[in-house]
Amino acid sequence: MQSRLMQAGLTAAAVLFSGSACLLLSSSAGLAQSRWQMGVFPVTSFLAYTSHFGTRTGPWGRVEPHYGLDIAAPMGSPIRNWWAGSVQDVINDGGCGLGLVIRSGDYEHIYCHLSGRVSGGTYSSGQVLLRQGQGVRTGQLIGHVGMSGRTTGPHLHWGMRHGGRWLDPAQILRAMAAGRRQQPGRATAPKAPPATRVAVIR
């Protein structure tokens, strides 16, 4: 995935990740703000988490950093946008495959291994048609699960950055769950997710 993401400014050099050190969201009470409940889980037909954030042994046997969360789902399953924002980049490379980078305030959320096609900088899949700069709503259909790029099975690779630093998407999901426990009802989503603090955990 790195070749295309480097062009989007998402290089490994910008990541605070060294050896067993990984960037996690702070566990402070601020993370449980009710606003986090507004985020949308990106896969509608969840099967399993197949690869977590951090150091892993990749599908071809090499130890490597993994800057996201892999979510297995049936081929062609709908993918929903986590938070309202705009399309920052449309990806088509040998790692991420077909993918999207969406910016929401200081957050960038990355969606890889999509099905469909990219032509002239526009991603299309079924009724979905997205190009750079286009606005997207929270929960909007933005693609479908596929097997494009470097993958051994249908899944979504979901990455997350805040202020140029990679975050563990599982911590984002925990914050969303905590927000829903605080306020079970859902209101209109704000334009950007809550500000967050990060901590390097070794």
Protein backbone atom coordinates (compact mmCIF):
# COMPACT_ATOMS: atom_id res chain seq x y z
CA MET A 1 0.00 0.00 0.00
CA GLN A 2 2.94 2.32 0.66
CA SER A 3 3.69 3.39 -2.93
CA ARG A 4 0.41 5.22 -3.49
CA LEU A 5 0.00 6.39 0.09
CA MET A 6 3.40 8.08 -0.05
CA GLN A 7 2.01 10.31 -2.77
CA ALA A 8 -0.86 11.17 -0.44
CA GLY A 9 1.61 12.20 2.26
CA LEU A 10 0.96 9.08 4.32
CA THR A 11 4.53 7.87 4.50
CA ALA A 12 5.95 5.51 7.08
CA ALA A 13 8.47 8.21 7.97
CA ALA A 14 5.64 10.30 9.39
CA VAL A 15 4.57 7.48 11.68
CA LEU A 16 5.66 7.28 15.31
CA PHE A 17 6.21 3.54 15.13
CA SER A 18 9.44 1.83 16.11
CA GLY A 19 9.88 -1.80 17.06
CA SER A 20 7.11 -2.64 19.50
CA ALA A 21 6.09 1.00 19.90
CA CYS A 22 2.70 1.84 18.50
CA LEU A 23 0.53 4.91 18.56
CA LEU A 24 -2.67 4.49 20.56
CA LEU A 25 -5.41 6.81 21.61
CA SER A 26 -5.18 8.03 25.18
CA SER A 27 -7.50 6.18 27.56
CA SER A 28 -8.45 9.45 29.28
CA ALA A 29 -12.08 10.22 30.07
CA GLY A 30 -12.06 12.76 27.25
CA LEU A 31 -12.23 9.94 24.73
CA ALA A 32 -15.64 8.91 26.02
CA GLN A 33 -17.23 12.17 24.93
CA SER A 34 -20.69 11.53 23.64
CA ARG A 35 -19.75 12.96 20.24
CA TRP A 36 -17.77 9.79 19.46
CA GLN A 37 -21.06 7.91 19.17
CA MET A 38 -21.65 9.65 15.83
CA GLY A 39 -19.02 7.57 14.03
CA VAL A 40 -20.21 4.74 11.78
CA PHE A 41 -18.67 1.25 11.69
CA PRO A 42 -17.46 0.98 8.07
CA VAL A 43 -18.47 -2.60 7.20
CA THR A 44 -22.14 -3.59 7.14
CA SER A 45 -21.60 -7.38 6.89
CA PHE A 46 -18.93 -8.00 9.52
CA LEU A 47 -17.31 -11.45 9.67
CA ALA A 48 -14.12 -11.03 11.72
CA TYR A 49 -11.09 -8.90 12.49
CA THR A 50 -8.29 -10.62 10.60
CA SER A 51 -5.29 -8.37 11.27
CA HIS A 52 -4.87 -5.73 13.95
CA PHE A 53 -2.86 -2.52 14.15
CA GLY A 54 0.83 -2.92 15.00
CA THR A 55 3.65 -5.28 14.14
CA ARG A 56 2.52 -8.48 12.46
CA THR A 57 3.71 -11.36 10.33
CA GLY A 58 2.29 -10.50 6.92
CA PRO A 59 0.58 -12.88 4.52
CA TRP A 60 3.92 -13.62 2.83
CA GLY A 61 5.79 -14.43 6.04
CA ARG A 62 7.59 -11.14 6.66
CA VAL A 63 7.41 -9.22 9.96
CA GLU A 64 6.07 -5.77 9.10
CA PRO A 65 4.20 -2.80 10.56
CA HIS A 66 0.46 -2.77 9.87
CA TYR A 67 -1.07 0.70 9.97
CA GLY A 68 -4.73 -0.22 10.20
CA LEU A 69 -7.38 -2.78 11.06
CA ASP A 70 -8.39 -5.53 8.62
CA ILE A 71 -12.11 -6.32 8.68
CA ALA A 72 -13.23 -9.46 6.83
CA ALA A 73 -16.59 -9.34 5.06
CA PRO A 74 -18.28 -11.09 2.14
CA MET A 75 -17.16 -9.98 -1.32
CA GLY A 76 -19.16 -6.97 -2.44
CA SER A 77 -20.39 -6.00 1.03
CA PRO A 78 -21.24 -2.28 1.36
CA ILE A 79 -18.68 0.03 2.97
CA ARG A 80 -19.94 3.10 4.82
CA ASN A 81 -18.08 6.33 5.50
CA TRP A 82 -16.95 6.64 9.12
CA TRP A 83 -17.43 10.42 9.45
CA ALA A 84 -18.54 13.27 7.20
CA GLY A 85 -15.77 14.91 5.22
CA SER A 86 -14.35 15.08 1.71
CA VAL A 87 -12.43 12.73 -0.55
CA GLN A 88 -8.75 13.64 -0.24
CA ASP A 89 -7.38 10.99 -2.58
CA VAL A 90 -8.41 8.11 -4.82
CA ILE A 91 -5.89 5.24 -4.71
CA ASN A 92 -5.05 2.66 -7.34
CA ASP A 93 -1.83 0.74 -6.60
CA GLY A 94 -0.44 -2.72 -5.94
CA GLY A 95 -0.59 -2.51 -2.16
CA CYS A 96 -3.80 -0.79 -1.14
CA GLY A 97 -5.37 -1.71 -4.46
CA LEU A 98 -8.41 0.46 -5.07
CA GLY A 99 -8.95 2.78 -2.16
CA LEU A 100 -10.04 6.12 -0.78
CA VAL A 101 -8.60 8.65 1.66
CA ILE A 102 -11.28 10.78 3.30
CA ARG A 103 -10.48 13.82 5.42
CA SER A 104 -12.65 14.85 8.37
CA GLY A 105 -11.07 17.83 10.13
CA ASP A 106 -7.65 16.67 11.38
CA TYR A 107 -8.52 13.02 10.70
CA GLU A 108 -7.75 11.01 7.58
CA HIS A 109 -9.52 7.66 7.22
CA ILE A 110 -8.23 5.22 4.62
CA TYR A 111 -10.20 2.44 2.93
CA CYS A 112 -8.26 -0.20 0.94
CA HIS A 113 -8.86 -3.34 -1.16
CA LEU A 114 -12.16 -2.08 -2.56
CA SER A 115 -13.95 -3.65 -5.50
CA GLY A 116 -14.95 -1.56 -8.51
CA ARG A 117 -12.64 0.48 -10.73
CA VAL A 118 -10.63 3.69 -10.86
CA SER A 119 -10.53 5.69 -14.08
CA GLY A 120 -9.36 9.25 -14.55
CA GLY A 121 -9.08 9.77 -10.80
CA THR A 122 -12.66 8.68 -10.17
CA TYR A 123 -13.61 5.62 -8.11
CA SER A 124 -16.75 3.77 -9.15
CA SER A 125 -18.51 0.70 -7.77
CA GLY A 126 -22.17 0.06 -8.53
CA GLN A 127 -24.00 3.31 -7.81
CA VAL A 128 -20.95 4.82 -6.08
CA LEU A 129 -19.03 7.51 -7.99
CA LEU A 130 -16.40 9.46 -6.02
CA ARG A 131 -13.64 11.86 -7.01
CA GLN A 132 -11.09 14.02 -5.18
CA GLY A 133 -12.67 16.97 -3.37
CA GLN A 134 -16.16 15.49 -3.31
CA GLY A 135 -18.07 15.76 -0.03
CA VAL A 136 -19.29 12.60 1.71
CA ARG A 137 -21.79 12.22 4.54
CA THR A 138 -21.44 10.19 7.72
CA GLY A 139 -22.64 6.66 6.93
CA GLN A 140 -22.76 7.26 3.17
CA LEU A 141 -22.12 4.27 0.92
CA ILE A 142 -18.59 4.83 -0.43
CA GLY A 143 -17.65 1.44 -1.89
CA HIS A 144 -17.75 -2.32 -1.65
CA VAL A 145 -15.46 -4.93 -0.12
CA GLY A 146 -13.09 -6.43 -2.68
CA MET A 147 -9.72 -8.11 -3.18
CA SER A 148 -7.77 -5.45 -5.04
CA GLY A 149 -4.10 -4.89 -4.20
CA ARG A 150 -2.06 -7.00 -1.78
CA THR A 151 -4.60 -9.28 -0.12
CA THR A 152 -5.38 -12.97 0.32
CA GLY A 153 -9.13 -12.63 0.83
CA PRO A 154 -12.01 -10.14 0.75
CA HIS A 155 -11.70 -7.56 3.50
CA LEU A 156 -11.49 -3.85 4.22
CA HIS A 157 -8.20 -2.40 5.42
CA TRP A 158 -9.28 0.58 7.52
CA GLY A 159 -6.57 3.06 8.50
CA MET A 160 -6.78 6.20 10.61
CA ARG A 161 -4.50 9.21 11.08
CA HIS A 162 -4.89 12.27 13.29
CA GLY A 163 -2.68 15.30 12.78
CA GLY A 164 -0.23 13.21 10.76
CA ARG A 165 0.02 10.35 13.28
CA TRP A 166 -1.32 6.86 12.76
CA LEU A 167 -3.94 5.71 15.27
CA ASP A 168 -5.21 2.27 16.17
CA PRO A 169 -8.73 2.07 14.66
CA ALA A 170 -9.73 -0.40 17.39
CA GLN A 171 -9.27 2.42 19.92
CA ILE A 172 -11.54 4.61 17.80
CA LEU A 173 -14.19 1.86 17.88
CA ARG A 174 -13.87 1.60 21.67
CA ALA A 175 -14.35 5.36 21.98
CA MET A 176 -17.46 5.12 19.78
CA ALA A 177 -18.88 2.35 21.98
CA ALA A 178 -18.14 4.36 25.14
CA GLY A 179 -19.88 7.40 23.66
CA ARG A 180 -22.97 5.33 22.86
CA ARG A 181 -23.07 4.00 26.42
CA GLN A 182 -23.09 7.58 27.69
CA GLN A 183 -25.84 8.74 25.34
CA PRO A 184 -27.81 5.96 23.65
CA GLY A 185 -29.63 8.37 21.28
CA ARG A 186 -28.00 9.65 18.09
CA ALA A 187 -28.15 13.23 16.95
CA THR A 188 -26.73 14.95 13.89
CA ALA A 189 -23.03 14.24 13.49
CA PRO A 190 -20.70 17.24 13.96
CA LYS A 191 -18.45 18.25 11.07
CA ALA A 192 -15.34 16.77 12.68
CA PRO A 193 -14.65 14.09 15.30
CA PRO A 194 -13.59 15.19 18.80
CA ALA A 195 -10.02 16.30 19.27
CA THR A 196 -7.95 13.53 20.76
CA ARG A 197 -4.65 13.00 22.51
CA VAL A 198 -2.24 10.28 21.51
CA ALA A 199 0.34 8.40 23.50
CA VAL A 200 3.17 6.16 22.40
CA ILE A 201 2.85 2.78 24.10
CA ARG A 202 5.96 0.58 24.24
